[in-house]
Amino acid sequence: MESIRRGLRALSDLDGPRLESVIDELQRIQPEFQRLGERCRAEAEVRTAEPTVTSS
């Protein structure tokens, strides 16, 4: 999130070199975000696929 904040500040300041640096950083960490997103989706599917027991 801090990288995104820095990118938005660079964009609002029209600071091209700093924005390029932030974009490079985000591209480097993108595979990790993708891996974590896939893991979250897989865990969510497992949790929602489990039957729930309700008492009447």
N, C-alpha and C. Protein backbone atom coordinates (compact mmCIF):
# COMPACT_ATOMS: atom_id res chain seq x y z
N MET A 1 0.82 -1.19 0.00
CA MET A 1 0.00 0.00 0.00
C MET A 1 0.87 1.26 0.00
N GLU A 2 1.99 1.18 0.70
CA GLU A 2 2.87 2.36 0.74
C GLU A 2 3.41 2.67 -0.66
N SER A 3 3.71 1.66 -1.44
CA SER A 3 4.18 1.88 -2.81
C SER A 3 3.12 2.60 -3.63
N ILE A 4 1.88 2.20 -3.45
CA ILE A 4 0.80 2.85 -4.18
C ILE A 4 0.65 4.30 -3.74
N ARG A 5 0.75 4.54 -2.44
CA ARG A 5 0.68 5.93 -1.95
C ARG A 5 1.81 6.78 -2.56
N ARG A 6 3.02 6.22 -2.58
CA ARG A 6 4.16 6.96 -3.16
C ARG A 6 3.90 7.24 -4.64
N GLY A 7 3.33 6.26 -5.33
CA GLY A 7 3.03 6.45 -6.74
C GLY A 7 2.00 7.54 -6.97
N LEU A 8 0.99 7.56 -6.12
CA LEU A 8 -0.03 8.62 -6.26
C LEU A 8 0.55 9.99 -5.96
N ARG A 9 1.44 10.07 -4.96
CA ARG A 9 2.09 11.36 -4.67
C ARG A 9 2.95 11.79 -5.85
N ALA A 10 3.71 10.85 -6.41
CA ALA A 10 4.56 11.17 -7.55
C ALA A 10 3.72 11.62 -8.73
N LEU A 11 2.58 10.97 -8.92
CA LEU A 11 1.70 11.34 -10.02
C LEU A 11 1.13 12.74 -9.80
N SER A 12 0.68 13.02 -8.58
CA SER A 12 0.11 14.34 -8.31
C SER A 12 1.18 15.44 -8.38
N ASP A 13 2.43 15.08 -8.06
CA ASP A 13 3.54 16.05 -8.14
C ASP A 13 4.14 16.13 -9.55
N LEU A 14 3.61 15.31 -10.47
CA LEU A 14 4.16 15.20 -11.82
C LEU A 14 5.67 14.89 -11.78
N ASP A 15 6.05 13.97 -10.90
CA ASP A 15 7.44 13.55 -10.73
C ASP A 15 7.66 12.25 -11.48
N GLY A 16 7.99 12.36 -12.76
CA GLY A 16 8.16 11.21 -13.63
C GLY A 16 9.16 10.18 -13.15
N PRO A 17 10.38 10.60 -12.79
CA PRO A 17 11.37 9.61 -12.34
C PRO A 17 10.93 8.85 -11.08
N ARG A 18 10.31 9.55 -10.14
CA ARG A 18 9.86 8.87 -8.92
C ARG A 18 8.70 7.93 -9.25
N LEU A 19 7.80 8.33 -10.13
CA LEU A 19 6.70 7.48 -10.54
C LEU A 19 7.23 6.23 -11.25
N GLU A 20 8.21 6.41 -12.09
CA GLU A 20 8.81 5.26 -12.79
C GLU A 20 9.43 4.29 -11.78
N SER A 21 10.08 4.81 -10.75
CA SER A 21 10.67 3.97 -9.71
C SER A 21 9.60 3.16 -8.99
N VAL A 22 8.48 3.79 -8.67
CA VAL A 22 7.39 3.10 -7.98
C VAL A 22 6.80 2.02 -8.89
N ILE A 23 6.61 2.34 -10.15
CA ILE A 23 6.08 1.35 -11.10
C ILE A 23 7.01 0.16 -11.20
N ASP A 24 8.31 0.40 -11.26
CA ASP A 24 9.29 -0.70 -11.30
C ASP A 24 9.17 -1.57 -10.05
N GLU A 25 9.01 -0.92 -8.90
CA GLU A 25 8.87 -1.67 -7.65
C GLU A 25 7.61 -2.53 -7.66
N LEU A 26 6.51 -1.96 -8.11
CA LEU A 26 5.26 -2.71 -8.17
C LEU A 26 5.35 -3.89 -9.13
N GLN A 27 6.06 -3.70 -10.24
CA GLN A 27 6.23 -4.80 -11.19
C GLN A 27 7.07 -5.93 -10.58
N ARG A 28 8.05 -5.56 -9.77
CA ARG A 28 8.89 -6.59 -9.12
C ARG A 28 8.10 -7.41 -8.12
N ILE A 29 7.18 -6.79 -7.39
CA ILE A 29 6.45 -7.51 -6.36
C ILE A 29 5.13 -8.09 -6.87
N GLN A 30 4.77 -7.84 -8.10
CA GLN A 30 3.52 -8.33 -8.67
C GLN A 30 3.38 -9.85 -8.59
N PRO A 31 4.42 -10.63 -8.90
CA PRO A 31 4.25 -12.09 -8.79
C PRO A 31 3.89 -12.55 -7.38
N GLU A 32 4.43 -11.91 -6.37
CA GLU A 32 4.10 -12.26 -4.99
C GLU A 32 2.64 -11.92 -4.69
N PHE A 33 2.16 -10.76 -5.14
CA PHE A 33 0.76 -10.40 -4.95
C PHE A 33 -0.15 -11.40 -5.66
N GLN A 34 0.24 -11.80 -6.84
CA GLN A 34 -0.57 -12.76 -7.59
C GLN A 34 -0.62 -14.09 -6.85
N ARG A 35 0.51 -14.55 -6.34
CA ARG A 35 0.56 -15.81 -5.60
C ARG A 35 -0.33 -15.74 -4.36
N LEU A 36 -0.23 -14.64 -3.63
CA LEU A 36 -1.05 -14.48 -2.43
C LEU A 36 -2.54 -14.40 -2.76
N GLY A 37 -2.87 -13.74 -3.86
CA GLY A 37 -4.27 -13.67 -4.29
C GLY A 37 -4.83 -15.04 -4.63
N GLU A 38 -4.04 -15.85 -5.33
CA GLU A 38 -4.48 -17.20 -5.67
C GLU A 38 -4.66 -18.04 -4.41
N ARG A 39 -3.77 -17.87 -3.47
CA ARG A 39 -3.86 -18.60 -2.20
C ARG A 39 -5.13 -18.20 -1.44
N CYS A 40 -5.42 -16.91 -1.40
CA CYS A 40 -6.64 -16.43 -0.73
C CYS A 40 -7.88 -17.00 -1.39
N ARG A 41 -7.91 -16.98 -2.72
CA ARG A 41 -9.07 -17.52 -3.43
C ARG A 41 -9.24 -19.00 -3.14
N ALA A 42 -8.14 -19.75 -3.13
CA ALA A 42 -8.21 -21.19 -2.86
C ALA A 42 -8.72 -21.45 -1.45
N GLU A 43 -8.24 -20.68 -0.48
CA GLU A 43 -8.70 -20.86 0.90
C GLU A 43 -10.17 -20.46 1.04
N ALA A 44 -10.59 -19.44 0.34
CA ALA A 44 -11.99 -19.01 0.40
C ALA A 44 -12.89 -20.08 -0.20
N GLU A 45 -12.47 -20.73 -1.28
CA GLU A 45 -13.25 -21.79 -1.90
C GLU A 45 -13.40 -22.97 -0.95
N VAL A 46 -12.34 -23.31 -0.26
CA VAL A 46 -12.39 -24.43 0.69
C VAL A 46 -13.37 -24.10 1.81
N ARG A 47 -13.31 -22.90 2.33
CA ARG A 47 -14.19 -22.51 3.43
C ARG A 47 -15.65 -22.47 3.01
N THR A 48 -15.91 -22.00 1.81
CA THR A 48 -17.31 -21.91 1.38
C THR A 48 -17.84 -23.26 0.92
N ALA A 49 -16.97 -24.20 0.59
CA ALA A 49 -17.41 -25.50 0.12
C ALA A 49 -17.77 -26.42 1.29
N GLU A 50 -17.33 -26.11 2.49
CA GLU A 50 -17.63 -26.95 3.64
C GLU A 50 -19.10 -26.80 4.01
N PRO A 51 -19.77 -27.92 4.25
CA PRO A 51 -21.18 -27.82 4.64
C PRO A 51 -21.29 -27.21 6.04
N THR A 52 -22.33 -26.44 6.22
CA THR A 52 -22.57 -25.84 7.53
C THR A 52 -23.63 -26.63 8.25
N VAL A 53 -23.45 -26.79 9.53
CA VAL A 53 -24.41 -27.53 10.34
C VAL A 53 -25.26 -26.52 11.09
N THR A 54 -26.56 -26.66 10.93
CA THR A 54 -27.45 -25.77 11.66
C THR A 54 -28.35 -26.62 12.54
N SER A 55 -28.66 -26.10 13.68
CA SER A 55 -29.56 -26.84 14.58
C SER A 55 -30.95 -26.22 14.50
N SER A 56 -31.95 -27.06 14.56
CA SER A 56 -33.34 -26.57 14.47
C SER A 56 -33.95 -26.49 15.85
